[in-house]
Protein backbone atom coordinates (compact mmCIF):
# COMPACT_ATOMS: atom_id res chain seq x y z
CA UNK A 1 44.32 40.98 -17.15
CA UNK A 2 44.04 43.33 -20.07
CA UNK A 3 42.19 42.18 -23.52
CA UNK A 4 44.41 43.41 -26.69
CA UNK A 5 40.95 43.96 -29.18
CA UNK A 6 42.98 44.03 -33.31
CA UNK A 7 40.15 45.07 -35.78
CA UNK A 8 41.20 43.54 -39.00
CA UNK A 9 40.16 44.38 -43.00
CA UNK A 10 41.04 41.06 -44.76
CA UNK A 11 40.75 40.95 -48.61
CA UNK A 12 37.04 39.75 -49.08
CA UNK A 13 37.96 36.88 -51.71
CA UNK A 14 40.81 35.17 -48.90
CA UNK A 15 38.73 35.33 -46.61
CA UNK A 16 38.74 31.44 -45.91
CA UNK A 17 42.71 31.34 -46.35
CA UNK A 18 42.63 33.45 -43.80
CA UNK A 19 41.54 31.69 -41.37
CA UNK A 20 43.20 28.88 -41.77
CA UNK A 21 46.27 31.08 -41.85
CA UNK A 22 44.67 32.50 -38.10
CA UNK A 23 44.34 29.19 -36.97
CA UNK A 24 47.95 28.12 -37.94
CA UNK A 25 49.26 30.84 -35.81
CA UNK A 26 46.82 30.11 -32.68
CA UNK A 27 50.27 27.94 -31.56
CA UNK A 28 52.10 31.29 -31.31
CA UNK A 29 49.85 33.53 -29.28
CA UNK A 30 49.22 29.56 -26.77
CA UNK A 31 53.12 29.54 -26.53
CA UNK A 32 53.78 33.94 -25.73
CA UNK A 33 54.23 34.52 -22.34
CA UNK A 34 51.44 36.18 -20.85
CA UNK A 35 49.03 35.21 -22.79
CA UNK A 36 45.95 33.78 -21.34
CA UNK A 37 43.33 33.35 -24.76
CA UNK A 38 42.82 34.31 -28.13
CA UNK A 39 39.80 34.78 -30.58
CA UNK A 40 39.01 35.64 -34.27
CA UNK A 41 35.62 37.45 -34.50
CA UNK A 42 34.02 38.10 -37.73
CA UNK A 43 31.53 41.32 -38.74
CA UNK A 44 28.46 39.66 -39.60
CA UNK A 45 27.33 41.79 -42.68
CA UNK A 46 30.90 42.57 -43.85
CA UNK A 47 32.90 39.28 -44.27
CA UNK A 48 35.85 41.00 -44.74
CA UNK A 49 35.98 42.38 -40.98
CA UNK A 50 37.71 41.00 -38.33
CA UNK A 51 38.57 41.40 -34.53
CA UNK A 52 41.47 39.23 -32.86
CA UNK A 53 40.97 39.67 -29.52
CA UNK A 54 43.71 38.49 -27.39
CA UNK A 55 43.84 37.84 -23.46
CA UNK A 56 47.26 39.34 -21.81
CA UNK A 57 48.46 39.75 -18.15
CA UNK A 58 49.25 42.77 -19.16
CA UNK A 59 49.79 45.70 -22.37
CA UNK A 60 54.02 45.02 -21.46
CA UNK A 61 53.18 41.14 -22.14
CA UNK A 62 51.68 42.36 -25.43
CA UNK A 63 53.76 44.99 -27.03
CA UNK A 64 56.73 43.95 -25.78
CA UNK A 65 57.15 40.01 -24.51
CA UNK A 66 55.39 39.23 -27.30
CA UNK A 67 56.19 41.76 -30.33
CA UNK A 68 59.94 40.82 -29.65
CA UNK A 69 59.60 37.60 -29.45
CA UNK A 70 59.86 34.97 -32.90
CA UNK A 71 56.31 34.29 -32.55
CA UNK A 72 54.88 37.81 -33.16
CA UNK A 73 57.45 37.46 -36.77
CA UNK A 74 55.55 34.34 -37.49
CA UNK A 75 52.49 35.88 -37.18
CA UNK A 76 52.81 39.07 -39.12
CA UNK A 77 54.64 36.81 -41.89
CA UNK A 78 50.77 34.74 -41.21
CA UNK A 79 48.25 37.13 -41.72
CA UNK A 80 49.85 40.09 -43.12
CA UNK A 81 49.78 39.12 -46.56
CA UNK A 82 45.36 39.44 -46.13
CA UNK A 83 45.06 43.03 -45.13
CA UNK A 84 43.96 45.91 -47.51
CA UNK A 85 44.93 48.49 -43.85
CA UNK A 86 46.31 48.59 -41.64
CA UNK A 87 45.55 46.78 -38.15
CA UNK A 88 44.07 48.94 -35.50
CA UNK A 89 45.27 47.67 -31.88
CA UNK A 90 43.32 48.78 -28.36
CA UNK A 91 43.92 47.50 -25.47
CA UNK A 92 41.04 46.85 -23.12
CA UNK A 93 40.49 46.38 -19.39
CA UNK A 94 37.08 46.00 -17.41
CA UNK A 95 35.30 48.84 -15.78
CA UNK A 96 32.46 48.93 -12.49
CA UNK A 97 29.91 46.73 -12.24
CA UNK A 98 29.66 43.86 -14.99
CA UNK A 99 28.28 40.51 -16.01
CA UNK A 100 29.75 37.52 -16.79
CA UNK A 101 28.71 33.69 -17.52
CA UNK A 102 32.27 32.94 -17.17
């Protein structure tokens, strides 16, 4: 599994609307082939800063399968109006020994 981390900067006056839009978009991630999980996190010290954390089977599942799907188009329609800067997206993998309660 790989983890997509998308750093998002949102209009601070519209955070509640943005969170509702992401909640509405969650079904498109859940239905996406290769998507294992999705969550939205907010920075405590700067509520306009978010990160979308998505578990994928592979980078290809995200960058090809999902991005070419109607679900991705709908996600962008719902979320993009709230962005005040382009998202910064990275793909992560586990490295070395780690501890997890999961």
